[in-house]
Every structure is written in C-alpha cells, then in structure tokens.
Amino acid sequence: MTSPLPATDFVLSDEKDASRYTLTRGGELVSVLDYRDDGRTVAMTRAYTIPTHRGHGYAAMVVAGAVAEVEAEGDRRIDPVCWYVAEWFQGHPDKQHLLRAR
C-alpha cells in the first residue's frame, strides 16, 4: 500500500515483499521501518533514517504511519522490538492498546 501524507510531498509505502515501510520525500528515500508479520503480530524490528536526513523527525513519521495502518486494519498487535519504536510508544500512550500482551 502506498499513501501520500496530507499536504506534503512525503509518501509512505508498505513494501510487503521486502517487509518494510518506506518514507520518501520528493521521490527520495528518507526513512525505513523493517518488520516481521506473522498474521497475528507485527514485530517492528528496525527504524532507520538515511544519515543525511536525520534530525527531522522522519523515523517518527514512518513509525506513526505504520502504526496507523496496523490500527486501521484492526487484526494484529504490534511488538516494538526496535528501541526507537518502543520509545515512540512510550510517547504515545493513546496507542498502547495496539501492543502485543506479554
């Protein structure tokens, strides 16, 4: 699934064959979120921003977009394996209901 973000030149894509979400701006890759999906849980394993694009909140944008898509589908929980994703959830208590029970 590919979706433009409102009023920007950012595009969030779910590259299912590569098990990753990508965030591009003006056609240039800026951030990636790798995941593993077993049909019940989406393990978000690594958030990465291209070094020349760091410091602009792009990792947060790709995580927020991926979380929104999982939430909209409503059939899976999220396991925040990546430290960055875990910290993102700490800052978004309204999304805690999406986390896999441990």
N, C-alpha and C. Protein backbone atom coordinates (compact mmCIF):
# COMPACT_ATOMS: atom_id res chain seq x y z
N MET A 1 0.84 -1.17 0.00
CA MET A 1 0.00 0.00 0.00
C MET A 1 0.89 1.24 0.00
N THR A 2 0.54 2.21 -0.79
CA THR A 2 1.25 3.47 -0.86
C THR A 2 0.26 4.57 -0.58
N SER A 3 0.63 5.48 0.32
CA SER A 3 -0.29 6.57 0.61
C SER A 3 0.47 7.87 0.78
N PRO A 4 0.04 8.91 0.03
CA PRO A 4 0.65 10.22 0.23
C PRO A 4 0.19 10.77 1.57
N LEU A 5 1.07 11.45 2.25
CA LEU A 5 0.71 12.09 3.51
C LEU A 5 0.10 13.44 3.17
N PRO A 6 -0.93 13.85 3.91
CA PRO A 6 -1.67 15.07 3.56
C PRO A 6 -0.79 16.31 3.44
N ALA A 7 -1.01 17.05 2.36
CA ALA A 7 -0.41 18.37 2.13
C ALA A 7 1.12 18.35 2.19
N THR A 8 1.73 17.25 1.80
CA THR A 8 3.19 17.20 1.77
C THR A 8 3.63 16.44 0.55
N ASP A 9 4.93 16.41 0.33
CA ASP A 9 5.47 15.59 -0.75
C ASP A 9 6.06 14.30 -0.19
N PHE A 10 5.61 13.91 1.02
CA PHE A 10 6.01 12.64 1.63
C PHE A 10 5.06 11.53 1.17
N VAL A 11 5.62 10.33 0.97
CA VAL A 11 4.82 9.16 0.62
C VAL A 11 5.26 8.01 1.50
N LEU A 12 4.30 7.38 2.17
CA LEU A 12 4.55 6.19 2.99
C LEU A 12 4.12 4.97 2.18
N SER A 13 5.01 4.00 2.06
CA SER A 13 4.71 2.78 1.30
C SER A 13 4.97 1.56 2.16
N ASP A 14 4.07 0.58 2.06
CA ASP A 14 4.28 -0.71 2.71
C ASP A 14 4.78 -1.65 1.62
N GLU A 15 6.06 -1.94 1.66
CA GLU A 15 6.67 -2.85 0.69
C GLU A 15 6.62 -4.25 1.28
N LYS A 16 5.46 -4.88 1.14
CA LYS A 16 5.21 -6.18 1.78
C LYS A 16 6.24 -7.23 1.37
N ASP A 17 6.66 -7.23 0.11
CA ASP A 17 7.63 -8.23 -0.35
C ASP A 17 8.99 -8.06 0.32
N ALA A 18 9.30 -6.87 0.80
CA ALA A 18 10.55 -6.60 1.50
C ALA A 18 10.35 -6.48 3.01
N SER A 19 9.11 -6.61 3.48
CA SER A 19 8.76 -6.49 4.90
C SER A 19 9.29 -5.18 5.49
N ARG A 20 8.93 -4.10 4.83
CA ARG A 20 9.35 -2.79 5.32
C ARG A 20 8.40 -1.70 4.85
N TYR A 21 8.30 -0.68 5.69
CA TYR A 21 7.63 0.55 5.31
C TYR A 21 8.73 1.52 4.90
N THR A 22 8.47 2.30 3.88
CA THR A 22 9.42 3.31 3.48
C THR A 22 8.74 4.68 3.49
N LEU A 23 9.51 5.68 3.78
CA LEU A 23 9.05 7.06 3.71
C LEU A 23 9.94 7.76 2.70
N THR A 24 9.31 8.31 1.67
CA THR A 24 10.06 9.06 0.67
C THR A 24 9.57 10.50 0.66
N ARG A 25 10.44 11.37 0.27
CA ARG A 25 10.08 12.78 0.12
C ARG A 25 10.58 13.24 -1.24
N GLY A 26 9.66 13.67 -2.06
CA GLY A 26 10.03 14.09 -3.41
C GLY A 26 10.70 12.96 -4.18
N GLY A 27 10.31 11.72 -3.90
CA GLY A 27 10.87 10.57 -4.59
C GLY A 27 12.15 10.03 -3.99
N GLU A 28 12.69 10.69 -2.98
CA GLU A 28 13.95 10.26 -2.35
C GLU A 28 13.66 9.53 -1.04
N LEU A 29 14.27 8.38 -0.86
CA LEU A 29 14.11 7.60 0.36
C LEU A 29 14.72 8.37 1.53
N VAL A 30 13.92 8.54 2.62
CA VAL A 30 14.45 9.23 3.80
C VAL A 30 14.45 8.35 5.05
N SER A 31 13.50 7.39 5.15
CA SER A 31 13.44 6.56 6.35
C SER A 31 12.79 5.22 6.03
N VAL A 32 13.15 4.20 6.84
CA VAL A 32 12.68 2.84 6.64
C VAL A 32 12.29 2.25 7.99
N LEU A 33 11.24 1.43 8.00
CA LEU A 33 10.86 0.67 9.18
C LEU A 33 10.72 -0.79 8.76
N ASP A 34 11.64 -1.64 9.22
CA ASP A 34 11.57 -3.07 8.92
C ASP A 34 10.62 -3.76 9.89
N TYR A 35 9.96 -4.81 9.42
CA TYR A 35 9.02 -5.53 10.29
C TYR A 35 8.95 -7.00 9.89
N ARG A 36 8.40 -7.80 10.80
CA ARG A 36 8.03 -9.20 10.54
C ARG A 36 6.56 -9.33 10.91
N ASP A 37 5.78 -9.88 10.00
CA ASP A 37 4.34 -10.02 10.22
C ASP A 37 3.97 -11.49 10.13
N ASP A 38 3.50 -12.07 11.25
CA ASP A 38 3.12 -13.49 11.25
C ASP A 38 1.60 -13.67 11.13
N GLY A 39 0.88 -12.58 10.85
CA GLY A 39 -0.56 -12.65 10.72
C GLY A 39 -1.31 -12.31 12.00
N ARG A 40 -0.63 -12.39 13.13
CA ARG A 40 -1.22 -12.01 14.43
C ARG A 40 -0.49 -10.81 15.04
N THR A 41 0.82 -10.77 14.80
CA THR A 41 1.67 -9.74 15.40
C THR A 41 2.60 -9.16 14.34
N VAL A 42 2.75 -7.84 14.38
CA VAL A 42 3.74 -7.16 13.54
C VAL A 42 4.89 -6.77 14.46
N ALA A 43 6.02 -7.45 14.30
CA ALA A 43 7.22 -7.11 15.08
C ALA A 43 7.96 -6.03 14.31
N MET A 44 8.01 -4.83 14.87
CA MET A 44 8.71 -3.72 14.24
C MET A 44 10.15 -3.78 14.71
N THR A 45 11.04 -4.21 13.81
CA THR A 45 12.38 -4.62 14.20
C THR A 45 13.47 -3.57 14.05
N ARG A 46 13.29 -2.60 13.15
CA ARG A 46 14.34 -1.60 12.98
C ARG A 46 13.80 -0.37 12.28
N ALA A 47 13.98 0.77 12.92
CA ALA A 47 13.68 2.06 12.28
C ALA A 47 15.03 2.68 11.91
N TYR A 48 15.11 3.18 10.69
CA TYR A 48 16.38 3.71 10.20
C TYR A 48 16.11 4.93 9.34
N THR A 49 16.87 5.98 9.57
CA THR A 49 16.79 7.17 8.73
C THR A 49 18.13 7.34 8.02
N ILE A 50 18.07 7.63 6.74
CA ILE A 50 19.28 7.86 5.96
C ILE A 50 20.06 8.98 6.65
N PRO A 51 21.37 8.78 6.89
CA PRO A 51 22.15 9.74 7.69
C PRO A 51 22.00 11.21 7.28
N THR A 52 21.94 11.49 6.00
CA THR A 52 21.82 12.90 5.57
C THR A 52 20.46 13.50 5.86
N HIS A 53 19.50 12.66 6.29
CA HIS A 53 18.15 13.15 6.59
C HIS A 53 17.80 13.08 8.08
N ARG A 54 18.75 12.73 8.90
CA ARG A 54 18.48 12.60 10.34
C ARG A 54 18.22 13.95 10.99
N GLY A 55 17.46 13.91 12.08
CA GLY A 55 17.19 15.11 12.85
C GLY A 55 15.95 15.88 12.43
N HIS A 56 15.15 15.29 11.56
CA HIS A 56 13.95 15.98 11.07
C HIS A 56 12.65 15.28 11.46
N GLY A 57 12.75 14.21 12.26
CA GLY A 57 11.55 13.50 12.70
C GLY A 57 11.02 12.49 11.71
N TYR A 58 11.81 12.10 10.72
CA TYR A 58 11.33 11.17 9.71
C TYR A 58 11.08 9.78 10.26
N ALA A 59 11.91 9.32 11.19
CA ALA A 59 11.68 7.99 11.79
C ALA A 59 10.33 7.99 12.51
N ALA A 60 10.02 9.07 13.21
CA ALA A 60 8.73 9.16 13.89
C ALA A 60 7.58 9.14 12.88
N MET A 61 7.78 9.76 11.73
CA MET A 61 6.74 9.78 10.71
C MET A 61 6.49 8.38 10.15
N VAL A 62 7.57 7.63 9.88
CA VAL A 62 7.38 6.29 9.30
C VAL A 62 6.76 5.36 10.34
N VAL A 63 7.16 5.49 11.61
CA VAL A 63 6.56 4.66 12.66
C VAL A 63 5.08 5.02 12.83
N ALA A 64 4.77 6.29 12.91
CA ALA A 64 3.38 6.72 13.07
C ALA A 64 2.51 6.23 11.92
N GLY A 65 3.03 6.30 10.71
CA GLY A 65 2.27 5.83 9.55
C GLY A 65 2.04 4.33 9.59
N ALA A 66 3.06 3.58 9.95
CA ALA A 66 2.93 2.12 10.04
C ALA A 66 1.95 1.74 11.14
N VAL A 67 2.05 2.39 12.29
CA VAL A 67 1.13 2.11 13.39
C VAL A 67 -0.30 2.42 12.97
N ALA A 68 -0.50 3.53 12.28
CA ALA A 68 -1.84 3.90 11.82
C ALA A 68 -2.41 2.85 10.87
N GLU A 69 -1.58 2.29 9.99
CA GLU A 69 -2.06 1.27 9.07
C GLU A 69 -2.43 -0.02 9.80
N VAL A 70 -1.58 -0.43 10.76
CA VAL A 70 -1.90 -1.63 11.54
C VAL A 70 -3.20 -1.41 12.33
N GLU A 71 -3.33 -0.24 12.90
CA GLU A 71 -4.54 0.07 13.66
C GLU A 71 -5.78 0.06 12.76
N ALA A 72 -5.66 0.62 11.58
CA ALA A 72 -6.80 0.67 10.66
C ALA A 72 -7.23 -0.72 10.21
N GLU A 73 -6.26 -1.61 10.03
CA GLU A 73 -6.60 -2.98 9.63
C GLU A 73 -7.26 -3.73 10.79
N GLY A 74 -6.85 -3.43 12.02
CA GLY A 74 -7.52 -3.90 13.21
C GLY A 74 -7.41 -5.38 13.56
N ASP A 75 -6.54 -6.12 12.89
CA ASP A 75 -6.49 -7.56 13.12
C ASP A 75 -5.19 -8.07 13.72
N ARG A 76 -4.26 -7.16 14.03
CA ARG A 76 -2.97 -7.58 14.57
C ARG A 76 -2.52 -6.65 15.68
N ARG A 77 -1.58 -7.12 16.46
CA ARG A 77 -0.95 -6.33 17.52
C ARG A 77 0.48 -6.04 17.10
N ILE A 78 1.12 -5.11 17.81
CA ILE A 78 2.48 -4.68 17.48
C ILE A 78 3.43 -5.09 18.60
N ASP A 79 4.57 -5.63 18.20
CA ASP A 79 5.66 -5.94 19.13
C ASP A 79 6.80 -4.98 18.79
N PRO A 80 7.06 -3.98 19.65
CA PRO A 80 8.09 -2.98 19.35
C PRO A 80 9.50 -3.51 19.69
N VAL A 81 10.06 -4.33 18.83
CA VAL A 81 11.37 -4.92 19.04
C VAL A 81 12.46 -3.84 19.01
N CYS A 82 12.36 -2.92 18.08
CA CYS A 82 13.33 -1.83 17.93
C CYS A 82 13.19 -0.84 19.09
N TRP A 83 14.31 -0.44 19.66
CA TRP A 83 14.30 0.50 20.79
C TRP A 83 13.58 1.80 20.41
N TYR A 84 13.75 2.27 19.18
CA TYR A 84 13.13 3.52 18.78
C TYR A 84 11.61 3.39 18.76
N VAL A 85 11.11 2.26 18.25
CA VAL A 85 9.67 2.04 18.22
C VAL A 85 9.12 1.94 19.64
N ALA A 86 9.85 1.28 20.53
CA ALA A 86 9.42 1.18 21.93
C ALA A 86 9.33 2.57 22.56
N GLU A 87 10.32 3.42 22.30
CA GLU A 87 10.28 4.79 22.82
C GLU A 87 9.14 5.58 22.20
N TRP A 88 8.85 5.35 20.92
CA TRP A 88 7.74 6.03 20.27
C TRP A 88 6.43 5.70 20.99
N PHE A 89 6.24 4.43 21.33
CA PHE A 89 5.02 4.03 22.04
C PHE A 89 4.96 4.64 23.44
N GLN A 90 6.10 4.80 24.10
CA GLN A 90 6.11 5.44 25.41
C GLN A 90 5.60 6.88 25.31
N GLY A 91 5.90 7.52 24.20
CA GLY A 91 5.46 8.90 23.98
C GLY A 91 4.04 9.01 23.43
N HIS A 92 3.41 7.87 23.14
CA HIS A 92 2.06 7.86 22.58
C HIS A 92 1.18 6.87 23.35
N PRO A 93 0.85 7.22 24.59
CA PRO A 93 0.06 6.32 25.42
C PRO A 93 -1.31 5.99 24.83
N ASP A 94 -1.81 6.83 23.94
CA ASP A 94 -3.10 6.56 23.30
C ASP A 94 -3.03 5.40 22.31
N LYS A 95 -1.84 4.91 22.03
CA LYS A 95 -1.66 3.78 21.11
C LYS A 95 -1.26 2.49 21.83
N GLN A 96 -1.20 2.51 23.15
CA GLN A 96 -0.79 1.34 23.93
C GLN A 96 -1.67 0.13 23.69
N HIS A 97 -2.94 0.33 23.35
CA HIS A 97 -3.86 -0.78 23.11
C HIS A 97 -3.44 -1.64 21.92
N LEU A 98 -2.53 -1.14 21.08
CA LEU A 98 -2.07 -1.89 19.91
C LEU A 98 -0.92 -2.84 20.22
N LEU A 99 -0.35 -2.72 21.43
CA LEU A 99 0.83 -3.53 21.76
C LEU A 99 0.43 -4.97 22.08
N ARG A 100 1.29 -5.87 21.68
CA ARG A 100 1.12 -7.29 21.99
C ARG A 100 1.26 -7.47 23.50
N ALA A 101 0.36 -8.24 24.08
CA ALA A 101 0.43 -8.53 25.51
C ALA A 101 1.62 -9.45 25.78
N ARG A 102 2.33 -9.18 26.84
CA ARG A 102 3.50 -10.00 27.17
C ARG A 102 3.21 -10.84 28.37
